[in-house]
PDB file of N, CA and C in Angstrom:
ATOM      1  N   MET A   1       7.033  52.311 -74.769  1.00  0.00           N
ATOM      2  CA  MET A   1       8.218  53.022 -74.634  1.00  0.00           C
ATOM      3  C   MET A   1       8.942  53.490 -73.246  1.00  0.00           C
ATOM      4  N   ASP A   2       8.119  53.945 -72.310  1.00  0.00           N
ATOM      5  CA  ASP A   2       8.546  54.119 -71.047  1.00  0.00           C
ATOM      6  C   ASP A   2       9.114  53.116 -69.968  1.00  0.00           C
ATOM      7  N   PHE A   3       8.574  51.869 -70.516  1.00  0.00           N
ATOM      8  CA  PHE A   3       8.904  50.591 -69.810  1.00  0.00           C
ATOM      9  C   PHE A   3      10.405  50.124 -70.483  1.00  0.00           C
ATOM     10  N   VAL A   4      10.729  50.351 -71.835  1.00  0.00           N
ATOM     11  CA  VAL A   4      11.890  50.064 -72.399  1.00  0.00           C
ATOM     12  C   VAL A   4      12.874  50.870 -71.715  1.00  0.00           C
ATOM     13  N   ASN A   5      12.655  52.184 -71.928  1.00  0.00           N
ATOM     14  CA  ASN A   5      13.529  53.260 -70.933  1.00  0.00           C
ATOM     15  C   ASN A   5      13.897  52.850 -69.708  1.00  0.00           C
ATOM     16  N   TYR A   6      12.991  52.393 -68.662  1.00  0.00           N
ATOM     17  CA  TYR A   6      13.237  52.032 -67.322  1.00  0.00           C
ATOM     18  C   TYR A   6      14.091  50.970 -67.497  1.00  0.00           C
ATOM     19  N   TYR A   7      13.666  49.854 -68.055  1.00  0.00           N
ATOM     20  CA  TYR A   7      14.381  48.712 -67.955  1.00  0.00           C
ATOM     21  C   TYR A   7      15.789  48.528 -68.541  1.00  0.00           C
ATOM     22  N   SER A   8      15.857  49.514 -69.590  1.00  0.00           N
ATOM     23  CA  SER A   8      17.398  49.829 -70.103  1.00  0.00           C
ATOM     24  C   SER A   8      18.050  50.734 -69.382  1.00  0.00           C
ATOM     25  N   ASN A   9      17.709  51.513 -68.437  1.00  0.00           N
ATOM     26  CA  ASN A   9      18.497  52.647 -68.055  1.00  0.00           C
ATOM     27  C   ASN A   9      18.555  52.931 -66.454  1.00  0.00           C
ATOM     28  N   ARG A  10      17.132  52.476 -65.885  1.00  0.00           N
ATOM     29  CA  ARG A  10      17.020  52.481 -64.467  1.00  0.00           C
ATOM     30  C   ARG A  10      16.814  51.314 -63.633  1.00  0.00           C
ATOM     31  N   HIS A  11      16.517  50.244 -64.166  1.00  0.00           N
ATOM     32  CA  HIS A  11      16.318  49.021 -63.570  1.00  0.00           C
ATOM     33  C   HIS A  11      17.610  48.364 -63.055  1.00  0.00           C
ATOM     34  N   TYR A  12      17.756  47.798 -61.851  1.00  0.00           N
ATOM     35  CA  TYR A  12      18.994  47.199 -61.215  1.00  0.00           C
ATOM     36  C   TYR A  12      18.927  45.957 -62.077  1.00  0.00           C
ATOM     37  N   HIS A  13      20.076  45.538 -62.571  1.00  0.00           N
ATOM     38  CA  HIS A  13      20.223  44.281 -63.093  1.00  0.00           C
ATOM     39  C   HIS A  13      21.061  43.274 -62.376  1.00  0.00           C
ATOM     40  N   LYS A  14      20.563  42.193 -62.056  1.00  0.00           N
ATOM     41  CA  LYS A  14      21.412  40.958 -61.373  1.00  0.00           C
ATOM     42  C   LYS A  14      22.741  40.854 -61.961  1.00  0.00           C
ATOM     43  N   ALA A  15      22.751  40.782 -63.291  1.00  0.00           N
ATOM     44  CA  ALA A  15      23.897  40.137 -63.932  1.00  0.00           C
ATOM     45  C   ALA A  15      25.036  41.083 -63.947  1.00  0.00           C
ATOM     46  N   ILE A  16      24.911  42.495 -63.541  1.00  0.00           N
ATOM     47  CA  ILE A  16      26.091  43.266 -63.856  1.00  0.00           C
ATOM     48  C   ILE A  16      25.990  43.986 -62.069  1.00  0.00           C
ATOM     49  N   GLY A  17      25.549  43.103 -61.240  1.00  0.00           N
ATOM     50  CA  GLY A  17      26.078  43.287 -59.843  1.00  0.00           C
ATOM     51  C   GLY A  17      24.694  44.110 -59.100  1.00  0.00           C
ATOM     52  N   ASN A  18      23.652  43.899 -59.669  1.00  0.00           N
ATOM     53  CA  ASN A  18      22.525  44.883 -59.017  1.00  0.00           C
ATOM     54  C   ASN A  18      22.888  46.232 -59.104  1.00  0.00           C
ATOM     55  N   VAL A  19      23.263  46.792 -59.884  1.00  0.00           N
ATOM     56  CA  VAL A  19      23.364  48.156 -60.558  1.00  0.00           C
ATOM     57  C   VAL A  19      22.720  48.569 -61.774  1.00  0.00           C
ATOM     58  N   THR A  20      22.492  49.884 -62.094  1.00  0.00           N
ATOM     59  CA  THR A  20      21.774  50.064 -63.358  1.00  0.00           C
ATOM     60  C   THR A  20      22.707  50.201 -64.666  1.00  0.00           C
ATOM     61  N   PRO A  21      22.352  49.894 -65.809  1.00  0.00           N
ATOM     62  CA  PRO A  21      23.308  49.843 -66.869  1.00  0.00           C
ATOM     63  C   PRO A  21      23.913  51.427 -67.151  1.00  0.00           C
ATOM     64  N   THR A  22      22.974  52.284 -66.503  1.00  0.00           N
ATOM     65  CA  THR A  22      23.666  53.872 -66.490  1.00  0.00           C
ATOM     66  C   THR A  22      24.669  53.875 -65.735  1.00  0.00           C
ATOM     67  N   ASP A  23      24.559  53.229 -64.495  1.00  0.00           N
ATOM     68  CA  ASP A  23      25.823  53.318 -63.453  1.00  0.00           C
ATOM     69  C   ASP A  23      26.956  52.605 -64.174  1.00  0.00           C
ATOM     70  N   VAL A  24      26.760  51.804 -64.862  1.00  0.00           N
ATOM     71  CA  VAL A  24      28.078  51.032 -65.451  1.00  0.00           C
ATOM     72  C   VAL A  24      28.562  51.628 -66.303  1.00  0.00           C
ATOM     73  N   LEU A  25      27.824  52.334 -67.523  1.00  0.00           N
ATOM     74  CA  LEU A  25      28.270  53.160 -68.299  1.00  0.00           C
ATOM     75  C   LEU A  25      28.985  54.520 -68.074  1.00  0.00           C
ATOM     76  N   ASP A  26      28.505  54.814 -66.966  1.00  0.00           N
ATOM     77  CA  ASP A  26      29.088  56.264 -66.279  1.00  0.00           C
ATOM     78  C   ASP A  26      30.205  55.792 -65.219  1.00  0.00           C
ATOM     79  N   GLY A  27      30.564  54.776 -65.224  1.00  0.00           N
ATOM     80  CA  GLY A  27      31.788  54.329 -64.583  1.00  0.00           C
ATOM     81  C   GLY A  27      31.514  54.421 -63.092  1.00  0.00           C
ATOM     82  N   ARG A  28      30.392  54.512 -62.381  1.00  0.00           N
ATOM     83  CA  ARG A  28      30.168  54.376 -61.072  1.00  0.00           C
ATOM     84  C   ARG A  28      29.910  52.952 -60.327  1.00  0.00           C
ATOM     85  N   ARG A  29      29.816  51.796 -61.124  1.00  0.00           N
ATOM     86  CA  ARG A  29      29.569  50.673 -60.636  1.00  0.00           C
ATOM     87  C   ARG A  29      30.286  50.129 -59.546  1.00  0.00           C
ATOM     88  N   GLU A  30      31.846  50.245 -59.556  1.00  0.00           N
ATOM     89  CA  GLU A  30      32.708  50.062 -58.423  1.00  0.00           C
ATOM     90  C   GLU A  30      32.504  50.887 -57.294  1.00  0.00           C
ATOM     91  N   GLN A  31      32.281  51.919 -57.346  1.00  0.00           N
ATOM     92  CA  GLN A  31      32.008  52.862 -56.389  1.00  0.00           C
ATOM     93  C   GLN A  31      30.766  52.520 -55.735  1.00  0.00           C
ATOM     94  N   ILE A  32      29.694  52.265 -56.643  1.00  0.00           N
ATOM     95  CA  ILE A  32      28.517  51.623 -55.724  1.00  0.00           C
ATOM     96  C   ILE A  32      28.272  50.351 -54.874  1.00  0.00           C
ATOM     97  N   LEU A  33      29.286  49.535 -55.599  1.00  0.00           N
ATOM     98  CA  LEU A  33      29.181  48.254 -55.084  1.00  0.00           C
ATOM     99  C   LEU A  33      30.242  48.359 -53.707  1.00  0.00           C
ATOM    100  N   GLN A  34      31.274  49.217 -53.690  1.00  0.00           N
ATOM    101  CA  GLN A  34      31.843  49.300 -52.731  1.00  0.00           C
ATOM    102  C   GLN A  34      31.119  50.067 -51.304  1.00  0.00           C
ATOM    103  N   LYS A  35      30.234  50.777 -51.694  1.00  0.00           N
ATOM    104  CA  LYS A  35      29.213  51.692 -50.840  1.00  0.00           C
ATOM    105  C   LYS A  35      28.227  50.471 -50.193  1.00  0.00           C
ATOM    106  N   LEU A  36      27.748  49.687 -50.998  1.00  0.00           N
ATOM    107  CA  LEU A  36      26.903  48.531 -50.543  1.00  0.00           C
ATOM    108  C   LEU A  36      27.616  47.534 -49.867  1.00  0.00           C
ATOM    109  N   MET A  37      28.615  47.252 -50.101  1.00  0.00           N
ATOM    110  CA  MET A  37      29.596  46.497 -49.112  1.00  0.00           C
ATOM    111  C   MET A  37      29.983  47.102 -47.674  1.00  0.00           C
ATOM    112  N   GLY A  38      30.169  48.101 -47.837  1.00  0.00           N
ATOM    113  CA  GLY A  38      30.087  49.069 -46.329  1.00  0.00           C
ATOM    114  C   GLY A  38      28.964  48.837 -45.589  1.00  0.00           C
ATOM    115  N   VAL A  39      27.939  49.146 -46.420  1.00  0.00           N
ATOM    116  CA  VAL A  39      26.544  48.969 -45.697  1.00  0.00           C
ATOM    117  C   VAL A  39      26.222  47.668 -45.282  1.00  0.00           C
ATOM    118  N   GLN A  40      26.487  46.523 -45.782  1.00  0.00           N
ATOM    119  CA  GLN A  40      26.336  45.498 -45.666  1.00  0.00           C
ATOM    120  C   GLN A  40      27.067  44.776 -44.448  1.00  0.00           C
ATOM    121  N   THR A  41      28.568  45.419 -44.467  1.00  0.00           N
ATOM    122  CA  THR A  41      29.187  45.004 -43.273  1.00  0.00           C
ATOM    123  C   THR A  41      28.812  45.842 -41.969  1.00  0.00           C
ATOM    124  N   GLN A  42      28.222  47.250 -42.074  1.00  0.00           N
ATOM    125  CA  GLN A  42      27.381  47.718 -40.795  1.00  0.00           C
ATOM    126  C   GLN A  42      26.463  47.128 -40.333  1.00  0.00           C
ATOM    127  N   THR A  43      25.467  46.500 -41.557  1.00  0.00           N
ATOM    128  CA  THR A  43      24.299  45.872 -41.227  1.00  0.00           C
ATOM    129  C   THR A  43      24.363  44.649 -40.114  1.00  0.00           C
ATOM    130  N   ILE A  44      25.616  43.811 -40.661  1.00  0.00           N
ATOM    131  CA  ILE A  44      25.908  42.725 -40.100  1.00  0.00           C
ATOM    132  C   ILE A  44      26.570  42.810 -38.528  1.00  0.00           C
ATOM    133  N   GLN A  45      27.402  43.757 -38.435  1.00  0.00           N
ATOM    134  CA  GLN A  45      27.913  44.414 -37.174  1.00  0.00           C
ATOM    135  C   GLN A  45      26.757  44.741 -36.242  1.00  0.00           C
ATOM    136  N   ARG A  46      25.934  45.482 -36.596  1.00  0.00           N
ATOM    137  CA  ARG A  46      24.523  45.845 -35.700  1.00  0.00           C
ATOM    138  C   ARG A  46      23.931  44.708 -35.202  1.00  0.00           C
ATOM    139  N   ARG A  47      23.610  43.816 -36.189  1.00  0.00           N
ATOM    140  CA  ARG A  47      22.961  42.535 -36.022  1.00  0.00           C
ATOM    141  C   ARG A  47      23.466  41.707 -34.717  1.00  0.00           C
ATOM    142  N   ARG A  48      24.848  41.464 -35.272  1.00  0.00           N
ATOM    143  CA  ARG A  48      25.407  40.672 -34.105  1.00  0.00           C
ATOM    144  C   ARG A  48      25.461  41.242 -32.754  1.00  0.00           C
ATOM    145  N   LEU A  49      25.649  42.585 -32.518  1.00  0.00           N
ATOM    146  CA  LEU A  49      25.708  43.260 -31.527  1.00  0.00           C
ATOM    147  C   LEU A  49      24.302  42.985 -30.647  1.00  0.00           C
ATOM    148  N   TYR A  50      23.261  43.347 -31.690  1.00  0.00           N
ATOM    149  CA  TYR A  50      21.969  43.099 -31.183  1.00  0.00           C
ATOM    150  C   TYR A  50      21.587  41.734 -30.439  1.00  0.00           C
ATOM    151  N   ASN A  51      22.196  40.885 -31.408  1.00  0.00           N
ATOM    152  CA  ASN A  51      21.627  39.505 -30.881  1.00  0.00           C
ATOM    153  C   ASN A  51      22.434  39.056 -29.714  1.00  0.00           C
ATOM    154  N   GLN A  52      24.082  39.903 -29.509  1.00  0.00           N
ATOM    155  CA  GLN A  52      24.655  39.361 -28.332  1.00  0.00           C
ATOM    156  C   GLN A  52      23.830  40.043 -26.994  1.00  0.00           C
ATOM    157  N   HIS A  53      23.348  41.271 -27.181  1.00  0.00           N
ATOM    158  CA  HIS A  53      22.678  41.887 -26.300  1.00  0.00           C
ATOM    159  C   HIS A  53      21.442  41.089 -25.684  1.00  0.00           C
ATOM    160  N   LEU A  54      20.816  40.577 -26.766  1.00  0.00           N
ATOM    161  CA  LEU A  54      19.457  39.851 -26.361  1.00  0.00           C
ATOM    162  C   LEU A  54      19.930  38.630 -25.689  1.00  0.00           C
ATOM    163  N   ARG A  55      21.092  37.802 -26.109  1.00  0.00           N
ATOM    164  CA  ARG A  55      21.474  36.785 -25.153  1.00  0.00           C
ATOM    165  C   ARG A  55      21.892  36.965 -23.884  1.00  0.00           C
ATOM    166  N   GLU A  56      22.541  38.273 -23.606  1.00  0.00           N
ATOM    167  CA  GLU A  56      22.853  38.804 -22.248  1.00  0.00           C
ATOM    168  C   GLU A  56      21.592  39.060 -21.577  1.00  0.00           C
ATOM    169  N   LEU A  57      20.695  39.766 -22.098  1.00  0.00           N
ATOM    170  CA  LEU A  57      19.416  39.828 -21.337  1.00  0.00           C
ATOM    171  C   LEU A  57      18.692  38.528 -20.908  1.00  0.00           C
ATOM    172  N   ALA A  58      18.703  37.673 -21.901  1.00  0.00           N
ATOM    173  CA  ALA A  58      17.972  36.321 -21.380  1.00  0.00           C
ATOM    174  C   ALA A  58      18.808  35.362 -20.512  1.00  0.00           C
ATOM    175  N   GLN A  59      20.160  35.540 -20.248  1.00  0.00           N
ATOM    176  CA  GLN A  59      20.930  35.077 -19.151  1.00  0.00           C
ATOM    177  C   GLN A  59      20.693  35.643 -18.252  1.00  0.00           C
ATOM    178  N   SER A  60      20.670  37.148 -17.970  1.00  0.00           N
ATOM    179  CA  SER A  60      20.458  37.952 -16.718  1.00  0.00           C
ATOM    180  C   SER A  60      19.082  37.700 -16.030  1.00  0.00           C
ATOM    181  N   ALA A  61      18.315  37.666 -17.149  1.00  0.00           N
ATOM    182  CA  ALA A  61      16.652  37.574 -16.528  1.00  0.00           C
ATOM    183  C   ALA A  61      16.469  36.504 -15.732  1.00  0.00           C
ATOM    184  N   PRO A  62      15.648  36.478 -14.777  1.00  0.00           N
ATOM    185  CA  PRO A  62      15.183  35.165 -14.062  1.00  0.00           C
ATOM    186  C   PRO A  62      14.294  34.383 -14.772  1.00  0.00           C
ATOM    187  N   ASN A  63      14.493  33.112 -14.471  1.00  0.00           N
ATOM    188  CA  ASN A  63      13.520  32.229 -15.153  1.00  0.00           C
ATOM    189  C   ASN A  63      11.822  32.531 -14.843  1.00  0.00           C
ATOM    190  N   LEU A  64      11.258  33.020 -16.064  1.00  0.00           N
ATOM    191  CA  LEU A  64       9.751  33.187 -15.692  1.00  0.00           C
ATOM    192  C   LEU A  64       9.069  32.290 -15.678  1.00  0.00           C
ATOM    193  N   HIS A  65       9.386  30.983 -16.000  1.00  0.00           N
ATOM    194  CA  HIS A  65       8.474  29.919 -16.171  1.00  0.00           C
ATOM    195  C   HIS A  65       8.234  29.095 -14.854  1.00  0.00           C
TER     196      HIS A  65
END
Protein backbone atom coordinates (compact mmCIF):
# COMPACT_ATOMS: atom_id res chain seq x y z
CA MET A 1 0.00 0.00 0.00
CA ASP A 2 2.89 2.39 0.68
CA PHE A 3 4.20 1.87 -2.84
CA VAL A 4 0.81 2.71 -4.38
CA ASN A 5 0.62 5.88 -2.29
CA TYR A 6 4.17 6.85 -3.26
CA TYR A 7 3.66 6.17 -6.97
CA SER A 8 0.30 7.90 -7.10
CA ASN A 9 1.24 11.01 -5.14
CA ARG A 10 4.99 11.62 -4.74
CA HIS A 11 6.57 9.93 -7.78
CA TYR A 12 7.70 12.26 -10.62
CA HIS A 13 5.86 11.29 -13.80
CA LYS A 14 7.49 11.94 -17.16
CA ALA A 15 4.11 12.07 -18.92
CA ILE A 16 3.06 15.16 -16.93
CA GLY A 17 6.36 17.03 -17.18
CA ASN A 18 8.38 15.38 -14.40
CA VAL A 19 6.21 16.70 -11.61
CA THR A 20 4.15 14.74 -9.13
CA PRO A 21 0.42 14.15 -9.57
CA THR A 22 -0.10 16.03 -6.30
CA ASP A 23 1.65 19.07 -7.80
CA VAL A 24 -0.69 18.95 -10.79
CA LEU A 25 -3.79 18.57 -8.64
CA ASP A 26 -2.71 21.45 -6.41
CA GLY A 27 -2.09 23.69 -9.42
CA ARG A 28 1.68 24.00 -8.91
CA ARG A 29 2.78 22.37 -12.20
CA GLU A 30 3.43 25.56 -14.18
CA GLN A 31 5.19 27.25 -11.27
CA ILE A 32 7.49 24.25 -10.82
CA LEU A 33 8.22 23.99 -14.55
CA GLN A 34 9.09 27.71 -14.73
CA LYS A 35 11.46 27.35 -11.79
CA LEU A 36 13.11 24.33 -13.41
CA MET A 37 13.56 26.24 -16.68
CA GLY A 38 15.28 29.05 -14.75
CA VAL A 39 17.62 26.58 -13.08
CA GLN A 40 18.36 24.95 -16.43
CA THR A 41 19.14 28.32 -18.02
CA GLN A 42 21.50 29.22 -15.17
CA THR A 43 23.23 25.85 -15.39
CA ILE A 44 23.80 26.18 -19.13
CA GLN A 45 25.16 29.72 -18.69
CA ARG A 46 27.56 28.61 -15.94
CA ARG A 47 28.73 25.70 -18.08
CA ARG A 48 29.39 28.04 -21.04
CA LEU A 49 31.37 30.45 -18.88
CA TYR A 50 33.38 27.62 -17.35
CA ASN A 51 34.18 26.14 -20.77
CA GLN A 52 35.14 29.57 -22.09
CA HIS A 53 37.45 30.02 -19.10
CA LEU A 54 39.08 26.63 -19.79
CA ARG A 55 39.61 27.53 -23.46
CA GLU A 56 41.22 30.82 -22.46
CA LEU A 57 43.52 29.04 -20.00
CA ALA A 58 44.50 26.49 -22.62
CA GLN A 59 45.33 29.21 -25.14
CA SER A 60 47.38 31.27 -22.70
CA ALA A 61 49.31 28.34 -21.19
CA PRO A 62 52.66 27.50 -22.78
CA ASN A 63 52.86 24.30 -24.75
CA LEU A 64 53.98 21.68 -22.25
CA HIS A 65 54.64 18.90 -24.78
